[in-house]
Structures are given as C-alpha cells and as structure tokens.
C-alpha cells in the first residue's frame, strides 16, 4: 500500500523525529494529503503514549516508597519515604490530569476528522 509521509519536530522522550504515514484506503484511488488534523491526531497520540508511560512509572514509584516506609527501621526513615511519596503523588496527579486532557483532545480531533470525512 502506498502512503504519504510527513515529519514534525516533536521528539518524544529521547528518540528520533516522528514520522506520520497516511495509507491509502481500499476504496480510494489515491492517497489524500496529510491534513493538519492528521498531524494533530498523531501528536496527541504520541503525547498520550508518553503520559501513559509516565503515569505507570510514577505509580510504581509511589508504591515502592509506600512499601519502603512500611519496612523502615525507624520513624525518621519512614517519614522521609512518606514525604518523597507525597511529592511523587502530586506529580502523578498532574500527569493524570494532562493524560485526561490529552485523551479528550484526541477524541475531539478524531470526531472532527470523521465529520470532515462524512461531509466531503
């Protein structure tokens, strides 16, 4: 199947630039150009992926710190773990909020693209 490529300067994590490939649908004679909506959907999906990974990592860290606090040998060590856990929880809440916003945006973009396809 043939496709059209587009690149944008978004660099997720530490990787290379992201490429977006649009593949010709079975009922199309030619591949349509990559629209701004296609690019925005690609960016939103990449952001969602990055945020999902960060949420998982932060959740793991919070659970590790809670476990370490329970296993601490003295009160000061336990409190230190709990303070760090609280910091990670704040960061986790922010990332979860950003992930929810990104998922909402992605849904809106996909609906917009669908509406554009239906009306054209």
N, C-alpha and C. Protein backbone atom coordinates (compact mmCIF):
# COMPACT_ATOMS: atom_id res chain seq x y z
N UNK A 1 0.83 -1.18 0.00
CA UNK A 1 0.00 0.00 0.00
C UNK A 1 0.87 1.24 0.00
N UNK A 2 0.45 2.23 -0.74
CA UNK A 2 1.23 3.45 -0.84
C UNK A 2 0.78 4.43 0.22
N UNK A 3 1.64 5.36 0.54
CA UNK A 3 1.30 6.33 1.57
C UNK A 3 2.06 7.62 1.38
N UNK A 4 1.68 8.63 2.13
CA UNK A 4 2.35 9.92 2.11
C UNK A 4 2.95 10.13 3.49
N UNK A 5 4.18 10.62 3.53
CA UNK A 5 4.87 10.84 4.80
C UNK A 5 4.84 12.31 5.18
N UNK A 6 4.85 12.56 6.46
CA UNK A 6 5.01 13.91 6.99
C UNK A 6 5.84 13.80 8.25
N UNK A 7 6.73 14.75 8.46
CA UNK A 7 7.52 14.76 9.70
C UNK A 7 7.25 16.05 10.43
N UNK A 8 7.33 15.99 11.73
CA UNK A 8 7.26 17.20 12.54
C UNK A 8 8.35 17.11 13.60
N UNK A 9 8.72 18.23 14.16
CA UNK A 9 9.88 18.27 15.04
C UNK A 9 9.67 17.72 16.45
N UNK A 10 8.50 17.16 16.73
CA UNK A 10 8.27 16.59 18.05
C UNK A 10 9.24 15.45 18.30
N UNK A 11 9.93 15.47 19.41
CA UNK A 11 10.87 14.41 19.75
C UNK A 11 10.42 13.79 21.07
N UNK A 12 9.65 12.71 20.97
CA UNK A 12 9.17 12.08 22.20
C UNK A 12 10.30 11.44 22.97
N UNK A 13 10.37 11.72 24.23
CA UNK A 13 11.44 11.12 25.04
C UNK A 13 12.80 11.51 24.49
N UNK A 14 13.58 10.50 24.14
CA UNK A 14 14.92 10.74 23.64
C UNK A 14 15.09 10.19 22.24
N UNK A 15 14.00 9.98 21.53
CA UNK A 15 14.04 9.33 20.22
C UNK A 15 14.27 10.28 19.07
N UNK A 16 14.05 9.76 17.91
CA UNK A 16 14.21 10.49 16.66
C UNK A 16 12.94 11.28 16.36
N UNK A 17 13.01 12.16 15.32
CA UNK A 17 11.78 12.85 14.93
C UNK A 17 10.72 11.82 14.56
N UNK A 18 9.48 12.21 14.73
CA UNK A 18 8.36 11.31 14.48
C UNK A 18 7.93 11.44 13.02
N UNK A 19 7.62 10.33 12.38
CA UNK A 19 7.09 10.33 11.03
C UNK A 19 5.63 9.91 11.06
N UNK A 20 4.84 10.55 10.25
CA UNK A 20 3.43 10.21 10.13
C UNK A 20 3.21 9.69 8.72
N UNK A 21 2.63 8.52 8.60
CA UNK A 21 2.38 7.91 7.30
C UNK A 21 0.89 7.74 7.14
N UNK A 22 0.36 8.21 6.02
CA UNK A 22 -1.06 8.05 5.73
C UNK A 22 -1.17 7.00 4.64
N UNK A 23 -1.93 5.97 4.91
CA UNK A 23 -2.07 4.86 3.98
C UNK A 23 -3.37 5.00 3.21
N UNK A 24 -3.32 4.62 1.93
CA UNK A 24 -4.48 4.70 1.06
C UNK A 24 -5.54 3.69 1.51
N UNK A 25 -6.75 4.15 1.65
CA UNK A 25 -7.85 3.25 1.99
C UNK A 25 -8.20 2.40 0.78
N UNK A 26 -8.79 1.24 1.02
CA UNK A 26 -9.10 0.31 -0.05
C UNK A 26 -10.03 0.91 -1.11
N UNK A 27 -10.93 1.79 -0.70
CA UNK A 27 -11.89 2.37 -1.64
C UNK A 27 -11.40 3.68 -2.27
N UNK A 28 -10.17 4.11 -1.98
CA UNK A 28 -9.63 5.34 -2.55
C UNK A 28 -8.74 5.03 -3.73
N UNK A 29 -8.77 5.91 -4.74
CA UNK A 29 -7.90 5.74 -5.90
C UNK A 29 -6.51 6.31 -5.63
N UNK A 30 -6.44 7.37 -4.85
CA UNK A 30 -5.16 7.99 -4.50
C UNK A 30 -5.13 8.25 -2.99
N UNK A 31 -3.94 8.49 -2.51
CA UNK A 31 -3.78 8.82 -1.10
C UNK A 31 -4.02 10.31 -0.92
N UNK A 32 -4.90 10.66 0.01
CA UNK A 32 -5.13 12.08 0.26
C UNK A 32 -3.95 12.66 1.04
N UNK A 33 -3.79 13.95 0.89
CA UNK A 33 -2.70 14.61 1.60
C UNK A 33 -2.90 14.53 3.10
N UNK A 34 -1.80 14.62 3.82
CA UNK A 34 -1.86 14.63 5.28
C UNK A 34 -2.32 16.01 5.72
N UNK A 35 -3.43 16.04 6.43
CA UNK A 35 -4.01 17.31 6.86
C UNK A 35 -3.45 17.73 8.21
N UNK A 36 -3.78 18.95 8.58
CA UNK A 36 -3.38 19.45 9.90
C UNK A 36 -4.05 18.62 11.00
N UNK A 37 -5.26 18.13 10.73
CA UNK A 37 -5.95 17.29 11.72
C UNK A 37 -5.20 15.97 11.89
N UNK A 38 -4.71 15.40 10.77
CA UNK A 38 -3.93 14.16 10.85
C UNK A 38 -2.68 14.36 11.71
N UNK A 39 -2.01 15.46 11.50
CA UNK A 39 -0.79 15.76 12.26
C UNK A 39 -1.13 15.98 13.74
N UNK A 40 -2.21 16.71 14.01
CA UNK A 40 -2.62 16.95 15.39
C UNK A 40 -3.00 15.64 16.09
N UNK A 41 -3.67 14.74 15.37
CA UNK A 41 -4.02 13.44 15.95
C UNK A 41 -2.76 12.64 16.24
N UNK A 42 -1.80 12.67 15.34
CA UNK A 42 -0.53 11.97 15.57
C UNK A 42 0.20 12.50 16.78
N UNK A 43 0.25 13.81 16.92
CA UNK A 43 0.90 14.42 18.08
C UNK A 43 0.17 14.07 19.38
N UNK A 44 -1.16 14.10 19.33
CA UNK A 44 -1.94 13.78 20.52
C UNK A 44 -1.73 12.32 20.93
N UNK A 45 -1.66 11.42 19.96
CA UNK A 45 -1.42 10.01 20.27
C UNK A 45 -0.03 9.81 20.87
N UNK A 46 0.96 10.53 20.36
CA UNK A 46 2.32 10.42 20.90
C UNK A 46 2.36 10.97 22.33
N UNK A 47 1.72 12.10 22.54
CA UNK A 47 1.66 12.69 23.88
C UNK A 47 0.95 11.75 24.85
N UNK A 48 -0.14 11.15 24.40
CA UNK A 48 -0.88 10.20 25.24
C UNK A 48 0.01 9.02 25.63
N UNK A 49 0.77 8.53 24.68
CA UNK A 49 1.67 7.41 24.95
C UNK A 49 2.73 7.78 25.97
N UNK A 50 3.32 8.95 25.80
CA UNK A 50 4.37 9.41 26.73
C UNK A 50 3.78 9.59 28.13
N UNK A 51 2.61 10.23 28.22
CA UNK A 51 1.98 10.47 29.52
C UNK A 51 1.58 9.16 30.19
N UNK A 52 1.08 8.20 29.41
CA UNK A 52 0.71 6.90 29.97
C UNK A 52 1.91 6.21 30.60
N UNK A 53 3.03 6.28 29.91
CA UNK A 53 4.26 5.69 30.44
C UNK A 53 4.68 6.38 31.73
N UNK A 54 4.62 7.71 31.74
CA UNK A 54 5.00 8.46 32.93
C UNK A 54 4.07 8.15 34.11
N UNK A 55 2.77 8.00 33.85
CA UNK A 55 1.81 7.68 34.91
C UNK A 55 2.14 6.31 35.50
N UNK A 56 2.44 5.34 34.65
CA UNK A 56 2.79 4.00 35.15
C UNK A 56 4.05 4.05 36.00
N UNK A 57 5.07 4.78 35.52
CA UNK A 57 6.33 4.87 36.27
C UNK A 57 6.13 5.56 37.62
N UNK A 58 5.36 6.64 37.63
CA UNK A 58 5.11 7.36 38.88
C UNK A 58 4.29 6.51 39.86
N UNK A 59 3.31 5.78 39.34
CA UNK A 59 2.52 4.89 40.20
C UNK A 59 3.40 3.84 40.85
N UNK A 60 4.30 3.28 40.07
CA UNK A 60 5.23 2.28 40.58
C UNK A 60 6.11 2.88 41.67
N UNK A 61 6.60 4.10 41.43
CA UNK A 61 7.46 4.76 42.41
C UNK A 61 6.71 5.05 43.71
N UNK A 62 5.46 5.49 43.60
CA UNK A 62 4.64 5.76 44.80
C UNK A 62 4.48 4.48 45.61
N UNK A 63 4.17 3.37 44.93
CA UNK A 63 4.00 2.09 45.63
C UNK A 63 5.31 1.62 46.26
N UNK A 64 6.43 1.83 45.58
CA UNK A 64 7.74 1.45 46.14
C UNK A 64 8.04 2.25 47.40
N UNK A 65 7.75 3.56 47.36
CA UNK A 65 8.02 4.40 48.53
C UNK A 65 7.13 4.05 49.71
N UNK A 66 5.88 3.70 49.43
CA UNK A 66 4.98 3.28 50.49
C UNK A 66 5.49 1.99 51.14
N UNK A 67 5.92 1.08 50.30
CA UNK A 67 6.47 -0.19 50.81
C UNK A 67 7.73 0.06 51.64
N UNK A 68 8.59 0.96 51.14
CA UNK A 68 9.82 1.27 51.86
C UNK A 68 9.51 1.93 53.20
N UNK A 69 8.48 2.77 53.24
CA UNK A 69 8.10 3.43 54.50
C UNK A 69 7.63 2.40 55.52
N UNK A 70 6.89 1.41 55.05
CA UNK A 70 6.41 0.36 55.96
C UNK A 70 7.54 -0.50 56.49
N UNK A 71 8.58 -0.67 55.68
CA UNK A 71 9.71 -1.53 56.07
C UNK A 71 10.81 -0.75 56.80
N UNK A 72 10.62 0.57 56.91
CA UNK A 72 11.66 1.40 57.53
C UNK A 72 11.96 0.95 58.95
N UNK A 73 13.21 1.11 59.33
CA UNK A 73 13.67 0.65 60.64
C UNK A 73 13.40 1.66 61.75
N UNK A 74 13.21 2.94 61.35
CA UNK A 74 12.90 3.95 62.38
C UNK A 74 11.93 5.00 61.81
N UNK A 75 11.43 5.81 62.71
CA UNK A 75 10.40 6.78 62.36
C UNK A 75 10.90 7.81 61.33
N UNK A 76 12.12 8.33 61.50
CA UNK A 76 12.66 9.33 60.58
C UNK A 76 12.79 8.79 59.16
N UNK A 77 13.24 7.56 59.05
CA UNK A 77 13.38 6.94 57.73
C UNK A 77 12.00 6.77 57.09
N UNK A 78 11.03 6.34 57.85
CA UNK A 78 9.67 6.16 57.34
C UNK A 78 9.08 7.50 56.89
N UNK A 79 9.27 8.54 57.71
CA UNK A 79 8.76 9.87 57.34
C UNK A 79 9.42 10.40 56.07
N UNK A 80 10.70 10.13 55.91
CA UNK A 80 11.42 10.55 54.70
C UNK A 80 10.80 9.90 53.46
N UNK A 81 10.52 8.61 53.54
CA UNK A 81 9.90 7.90 52.42
C UNK A 81 8.50 8.45 52.14
N UNK A 82 7.76 8.76 53.20
CA UNK A 82 6.41 9.28 53.02
C UNK A 82 6.41 10.68 52.41
N UNK A 83 7.39 11.52 52.77
CA UNK A 83 7.50 12.84 52.17
C UNK A 83 7.77 12.74 50.67
N UNK A 84 8.70 11.86 50.32
CA UNK A 84 9.01 11.64 48.90
C UNK A 84 7.81 11.08 48.16
N UNK A 85 7.09 10.18 48.81
CA UNK A 85 5.88 9.60 48.21
C UNK A 85 4.87 10.70 47.90
N UNK A 86 4.71 11.65 48.83
CA UNK A 86 3.77 12.74 48.63
C UNK A 86 4.16 13.60 47.42
N UNK A 87 5.45 13.84 47.24
CA UNK A 87 5.92 14.60 46.07
C UNK A 87 5.59 13.87 44.78
N UNK A 88 5.84 12.56 44.76
CA UNK A 88 5.54 11.77 43.57
C UNK A 88 4.03 11.71 43.31
N UNK A 89 3.23 11.68 44.37
CA UNK A 89 1.78 11.67 44.20
C UNK A 89 1.29 12.96 43.56
N UNK A 90 1.86 14.09 43.95
CA UNK A 90 1.49 15.37 43.34
C UNK A 90 1.81 15.36 41.85
N UNK A 91 2.99 14.89 41.52
CA UNK A 91 3.39 14.80 40.12
C UNK A 91 2.48 13.83 39.36
N UNK A 92 2.13 12.73 40.00
CA UNK A 92 1.24 11.74 39.39
C UNK A 92 -0.13 12.36 39.08
N UNK A 93 -0.66 13.13 40.02
CA UNK A 93 -1.96 13.77 39.79
C UNK A 93 -1.91 14.73 38.60
N UNK A 94 -0.83 15.49 38.48
CA UNK A 94 -0.67 16.41 37.35
C UNK A 94 -0.60 15.64 36.04
N UNK A 95 0.16 14.56 36.01
CA UNK A 95 0.30 13.75 34.79
C UNK A 95 -1.04 13.10 34.42
N UNK A 96 -1.77 12.62 35.43
CA UNK A 96 -3.08 12.01 35.16
C UNK A 96 -4.05 13.06 34.59
N UNK A 97 -3.99 14.28 35.10
CA UNK A 97 -4.82 15.36 34.56
C UNK A 97 -4.46 15.67 33.12
N UNK A 98 -3.17 15.75 32.85
CA UNK A 98 -2.71 16.01 31.49
C UNK A 98 -3.12 14.87 30.55
N UNK A 99 -3.05 13.63 31.04
CA UNK A 99 -3.45 12.48 30.24
C UNK A 99 -4.94 12.54 29.93
N UNK A 100 -5.76 12.88 30.91
CA UNK A 100 -7.20 13.02 30.68
C UNK A 100 -7.50 14.11 29.66
N UNK A 101 -6.81 15.24 29.77
CA UNK A 101 -6.99 16.34 28.81
C UNK A 101 -6.58 15.91 27.40
N UNK A 102 -5.47 15.19 27.31
CA UNK A 102 -4.97 14.73 26.01
C UNK A 102 -5.94 13.73 25.38
N UNK A 103 -6.47 12.82 26.20
CA UNK A 103 -7.44 11.85 25.68
C UNK A 103 -8.70 12.55 25.18
N UNK A 104 -9.15 13.58 25.91
CA UNK A 104 -10.32 14.35 25.50
C UNK A 104 -10.04 15.08 24.18
N UNK A 105 -8.88 15.69 24.07
CA UNK A 105 -8.49 16.39 22.85
C UNK A 105 -8.41 15.42 21.68
N UNK A 106 -7.83 14.26 21.91
CA UNK A 106 -7.70 13.25 20.86
C UNK A 106 -9.08 12.83 20.35
N UNK A 107 -10.01 12.60 21.26
CA UNK A 107 -11.37 12.23 20.88
C UNK A 107 -12.02 13.33 20.04
N UNK A 108 -11.85 14.57 20.45
CA UNK A 108 -12.43 15.69 19.70
C UNK A 108 -11.83 15.79 18.30
N UNK A 109 -10.51 15.60 18.19
CA UNK A 109 -9.85 15.64 16.89
C UNK A 109 -10.34 14.52 15.98
N UNK A 110 -10.48 13.33 16.54
CA UNK A 110 -10.94 12.20 15.75
C UNK A 110 -12.39 12.41 15.29
N UNK A 111 -13.22 12.98 16.15
CA UNK A 111 -14.59 13.30 15.77
C UNK A 111 -14.61 14.34 14.66
N UNK A 112 -13.74 15.34 14.78
CA UNK A 112 -13.65 16.38 13.76
C UNK A 112 -13.23 15.79 12.42
N UNK A 113 -12.27 14.89 12.46
CA UNK A 113 -11.81 14.24 11.22
C UNK A 113 -12.93 13.40 10.62
N UNK A 114 -13.66 12.69 11.46
CA UNK A 114 -14.77 11.86 10.99
C UNK A 114 -15.85 12.74 10.35
N UNK A 115 -16.17 13.85 11.01
CA UNK A 115 -17.18 14.77 10.48
C UNK A 115 -16.73 15.34 9.14
N UNK A 116 -15.46 15.66 9.01
CA UNK A 116 -14.92 16.19 7.76
C UNK A 116 -15.06 15.14 6.65
N UNK A 117 -14.79 13.88 6.98
CA UNK A 117 -14.89 12.80 6.00
C UNK A 117 -16.34 12.59 5.57
N UNK A 118 -17.26 12.62 6.53
CA UNK A 118 -18.67 12.41 6.24
C UNK A 118 -19.22 13.53 5.36
N UNK A 119 -18.81 14.76 5.63
CA UNK A 119 -19.35 15.91 4.90
C UNK A 119 -18.70 16.11 3.53
N UNK A 120 -17.56 15.49 3.29
CA UNK A 120 -16.91 15.72 1.99
C UNK A 120 -17.25 14.65 0.98
